[in-house]
C-alpha atoms as a PDB file:
ATOM      1  CA  MET A   1     -93.820   5.826   4.861  1.00  0.00           C
ATOM      2  CA  GLU A   2     -92.473   4.152   1.759  1.00  0.00           C
ATOM      3  CA  ASN A   3     -90.382   7.217   0.981  1.00  0.00           C
ATOM      4  CA  LEU A   4     -88.944   7.198   4.491  1.00  0.00           C
ATOM      5  CA  GLY A   5     -87.812   3.582   4.208  1.00  0.00           C
ATOM      6  CA  LEU A   6     -86.243   4.239   0.823  1.00  0.00           C
ATOM      7  CA  ALA A   7     -84.448   7.326   2.161  1.00  0.00           C
ATOM      8  CA  LEU A   8     -83.085   5.363   5.128  1.00  0.00           C
ATOM      9  CA  GLN A   9     -81.822   2.581   2.854  1.00  0.00           C
ATOM     10  CA  ILE A  10     -80.088   5.057   0.547  1.00  0.00           C
ATOM     11  CA  SER A  11     -78.455   6.930   3.447  1.00  0.00           C
ATOM     12  CA  GLY A  12     -77.343   3.618   5.015  1.00  0.00           C
ATOM     13  CA  ILE A  13     -75.716   2.524   1.760  1.00  0.00           C
ATOM     14  CA  GLY A  14     -74.079   5.957   1.460  1.00  0.00           C
ATOM     15  CA  ILE A  15     -72.648   5.763   4.981  1.00  0.00           C
ATOM     16  CA  VAL A  16     -71.244   2.281   4.365  1.00  0.00           C
ATOM     17  CA  ALA A  17     -69.710   3.416   1.058  1.00  0.00           C
ATOM     18  CA  LEU A  18     -68.173   6.484   2.738  1.00  0.00           C
ATOM     19  CA  PHE A  19     -66.694   4.325   5.498  1.00  0.00           C
ATOM     20  CA  PHE A  20     -65.238   1.935   2.895  1.00  0.00           C
ATOM     21  CA  ILE A  21     -63.659   4.832   0.975  1.00  0.00           C
ATOM     22  CA  LEU A  22     -62.124   6.220   4.168  1.00  0.00           C
ATOM     23  CA  VAL A  23     -60.639   2.798   5.002  1.00  0.00           C
ATOM     24  CA  VAL A  24     -59.141   2.545   1.501  1.00  0.00           C
ATOM     25  CA  LEU A  25     -57.626   6.044   1.757  1.00  0.00           C
ATOM     26  CA  ALA A  26     -56.153   5.249   5.185  1.00  0.00           C
ATOM     27  CA  GLY A  27     -54.613   2.091   3.731  1.00  0.00           C
ATOM     28  CA  ILE A  28     -53.112   4.004   0.822  1.00  0.00           C
ATOM     29  CA  ILE A  29     -51.627   6.601   3.170  1.00  0.00           C
ATOM     30  CA  SER A  30     -50.144   3.949   5.455  1.00  0.00           C
ATOM     31  CA  LEU A  31     -48.570   2.157   2.459  1.00  0.00           C
ATOM     32  CA  MET A  32     -47.161   5.425   1.142  1.00  0.00           C
ATOM     33  CA  THR A  33     -45.548   6.255   4.479  1.00  0.00           C
ATOM     34  CA  LYS A  34     -44.146   2.732   4.741  1.00  0.00           C
ATOM     35  CA  TYR A  35     -42.533   2.510   1.295  1.00  0.00           C
ATOM     36  CA  LEU A  36     -41.787   6.131   0.387  1.00  0.00           C
ATOM     37  CA  VAL A  37     -38.867   7.276   2.508  1.00  0.00           C
ATOM     38  CA  ASP A  38     -37.063  10.605   2.232  1.00  0.00           C
ATOM     39  CA  LYS A  39     -33.635  10.315   0.681  1.00  0.00           C
ATOM     40  CA  PRO A  40     -30.750  11.506   2.860  1.00  0.00           C
ATOM     41  CA  GLU A  41     -29.241  14.810   1.863  1.00  0.00           C
ATOM     42  CA  LYS A  42     -25.959  14.767   0.037  1.00  0.00           C
ATOM     43  CA  GLN A  43     -22.916  16.125   1.815  1.00  0.00           C
ATOM     44  CA  GLU A  44     -21.940  18.081  -1.270  1.00  0.00           C
ATOM     45  CA  GLU A  45     -25.010  20.280  -0.907  1.00  0.00           C
ATOM     46  CA  GLU A  46     -24.110  20.940   2.722  1.00  0.00           C
ATOM     47  CA  ALA A  47     -20.563  21.916   1.771  1.00  0.00           C
ATOM     48  CA  GLU A  48     -21.861  24.295  -0.902  1.00  0.00           C
ATOM     49  CA  SER A  49     -24.290  25.936   1.519  1.00  0.00           C
ATOM     50  CA  GLU A  50     -21.520  26.391   4.109  1.00  0.00           C
ATOM     51  CA  ALA A  51     -19.321  28.002   1.448  1.00  0.00           C
ATOM     52  CA  GLN A  52     -22.111  30.397   0.509  1.00  0.00           C
ATOM     53  CA  ILE A  53     -22.622  31.362   4.166  1.00  0.00           C
ATOM     54  CA  GLU A  54     -18.907  32.078   4.521  1.00  0.00           C
ATOM     55  CA  LYS A  55     -18.983  34.275   1.396  1.00  0.00           C
ATOM     56  CA  ILE A  56     -21.929  36.248   2.783  1.00  0.00           C
ATOM     57  CA  GLU A  57     -20.129  36.783   6.083  1.00  0.00           C
ATOM     58  CA  GLU A  58     -17.013  37.977   4.253  1.00  0.00           C
ATOM     59  CA  VAL A  59     -18.961  40.438   2.119  1.00  0.00           C
ATOM     60  CA  ALA A  60     -20.772  42.177   4.942  1.00  0.00           C
ATOM     61  CA  PRO A  61     -18.584  42.509   8.027  1.00  0.00           C
ATOM     62  CA  GLU A  62     -20.230  44.809  10.566  1.00  0.00           C
ATOM     63  CA  SER A  63     -18.119  46.893  12.877  1.00  0.00           C
ATOM     64  CA  ASN A  64     -19.126  48.308  16.235  1.00  0.00           C
ATOM     65  CA  GLN A  65     -19.341  51.760  14.678  1.00  0.00           C
ATOM     66  CA  ASP A  66     -21.957  50.563  12.181  1.00  0.00           C
ATOM     67  CA  LEU A  67     -23.972  48.912  14.932  1.00  0.00           C
ATOM     68  CA  LYS A  68     -23.846  52.053  17.096  1.00  0.00           C
ATOM     69  CA  LEU A  69     -24.985  54.169  14.155  1.00  0.00           C
ATOM     70  CA  ALA A  70     -27.890  51.822  13.431  1.00  0.00           C
ATOM     71  CA  ALA A  71     -28.913  51.856  17.109  1.00  0.00           C
ATOM     72  CA  ALA A  72     -28.780  55.659  17.217  1.00  0.00           C
ATOM     73  CA  ILE A  73     -30.965  55.928  14.111  1.00  0.00           C
ATOM     74  CA  ALA A  74     -33.472  53.435  15.517  1.00  0.00           C
ATOM     75  CA  LEU A  75     -33.636  55.361  18.804  1.00  0.00           C
ATOM     76  CA  ALA A  76     -34.177  58.660  16.987  1.00  0.00           C
ATOM     77  CA  ILE A  77     -36.999  57.172  14.925  1.00  0.00           C
ATOM     78  CA  TYR A  78     -38.620  55.723  18.056  1.00  0.00           C
ATOM     79  CA  ARG A  79     -38.444  59.027  19.920  1.00  0.00           C
ATOM     80  CA  SER A  80     -39.933  60.953  16.998  1.00  0.00           C
ATOM     81  CA  GLN A  81     -42.823  58.471  16.766  1.00  0.00           C
ATOM     82  CA  VAL A  82     -43.477  58.782  20.497  1.00  0.00           C
ATOM     83  CA  GLU A  83     -43.495  62.571  20.291  1.00  0.00           C
ATOM     84  CA  MET A  84     -45.907  62.569  17.351  1.00  0.00           C
ATOM     85  CA  SER A  85     -48.306  60.066  18.937  1.00  0.00           C
ATOM     86  CA  ALA A  86     -48.278  61.592  22.428  1.00  0.00           C
ATOM     87  CA  VAL A  87     -51.655  63.017  23.379  1.00  0.00           C
ATOM     88  CA  SER A  88     -51.499  66.234  25.330  1.00  0.00           C
ATOM     89  CA  GLN A  89     -53.689  66.181  28.429  1.00  0.00           C
ATOM     90  CA  VAL A  90     -56.345  68.815  28.786  1.00  0.00           C
ATOM     91  CA  GLU A  91     -55.545  71.149  31.608  1.00  0.00           C
ATOM     92  CA  THR A  92     -58.586  70.913  33.852  1.00  0.00           C
ATOM     93  CA  GLY A  93     -56.793  71.424  37.124  1.00  0.00           C
ATOM     94  CA  VAL A  94     -57.518  67.839  38.167  1.00  0.00           C
ATOM     95  CA  GLU A  95     -54.470  65.779  38.923  1.00  0.00           C
ATOM     96  CA  VAL A  96     -54.565  62.366  37.256  1.00  0.00           C
ATOM     97  CA  ASN A  97     -53.295  59.558  39.440  1.00  0.00           C
ATOM     98  CA  SER A  98     -53.336  55.793  39.126  1.00  0.00           C
ATOM     99  CA  TRP A  99     -56.180  55.241  41.610  1.00  0.00           C
ATOM    100  CA  ARG A 100     -58.452  57.622  39.710  1.00  0.00           C
ATOM    101  CA  GLN A 101     -57.617  55.843  36.451  1.00  0.00           C
ATOM    102  CA  ILE A 102     -58.450  52.446  37.992  1.00  0.00           C
ATOM    103  CA  LYS A 103     -61.796  53.801  39.219  1.00  0.00           C
ATOM    104  CA  LEU A 104     -62.594  55.195  35.771  1.00  0.00           C
ATOM    105  CA  ILE A 105     -61.674  51.916  34.077  1.00  0.00           C
ATOM    106  CA  ASN A 106     -63.883  49.970  36.480  1.00  0.00           C
ATOM    107  CA  ARG A 107     -66.791  52.323  35.798  1.00  0.00           C
ATOM    108  CA  LEU A 108     -66.343  51.872  32.052  1.00  0.00           C
ATOM    109  CA  ASN A 109     -66.318  48.094  32.443  1.00  0.00           C
ATOM    110  CA  GLN A 110     -69.690  48.122  34.180  1.00  0.00           C
ATOM    111  CA  SER A 111     -72.783  47.709  32.080  1.00  0.00           C
ATOM    112  CA  SER A 112     -74.484  50.829  30.737  1.00  0.00           C
ATOM    113  CA  ASN A 113     -77.568  50.400  32.967  1.00  0.00           C
ATOM    114  CA  ILE A 114     -75.462  50.490  36.125  1.00  0.00           C
ATOM    115  CA  ARG A 115     -73.601  53.577  34.925  1.00  0.00           C
ATOM    116  CA  ARG A 116     -76.898  55.368  34.233  1.00  0.00           C
ATOM    117  CA  ALA A 117     -78.189  54.569  37.686  1.00  0.00           C
ATOM    118  CA  LYS A 118     -75.241  56.231  39.464  1.00  0.00           C
END
């Protein structure tokens, strides 16, 4: 029982010390936010960034022909990916419709014991 009392005293002191440290850190953070303020940006930097944006726009003007070409290439790539990833259905003579697919999905969602029972 002596060890239990000593352990409780030590943990109590530790909790009080932890609380004190947290209060000190909160005070430091509140003082930092009160006295350290972001400096406003200079207008010269804004003017320089606007000039750089204008230079970039002048260097790379895009015409409608370029945009049409890029769209055609993107469409060709998409179609080739769809053709390569398309899975051919096995010809079993059974027509696949949406109601049959819903029924199959519902059966798969059931637990394995229920599926075995049917």
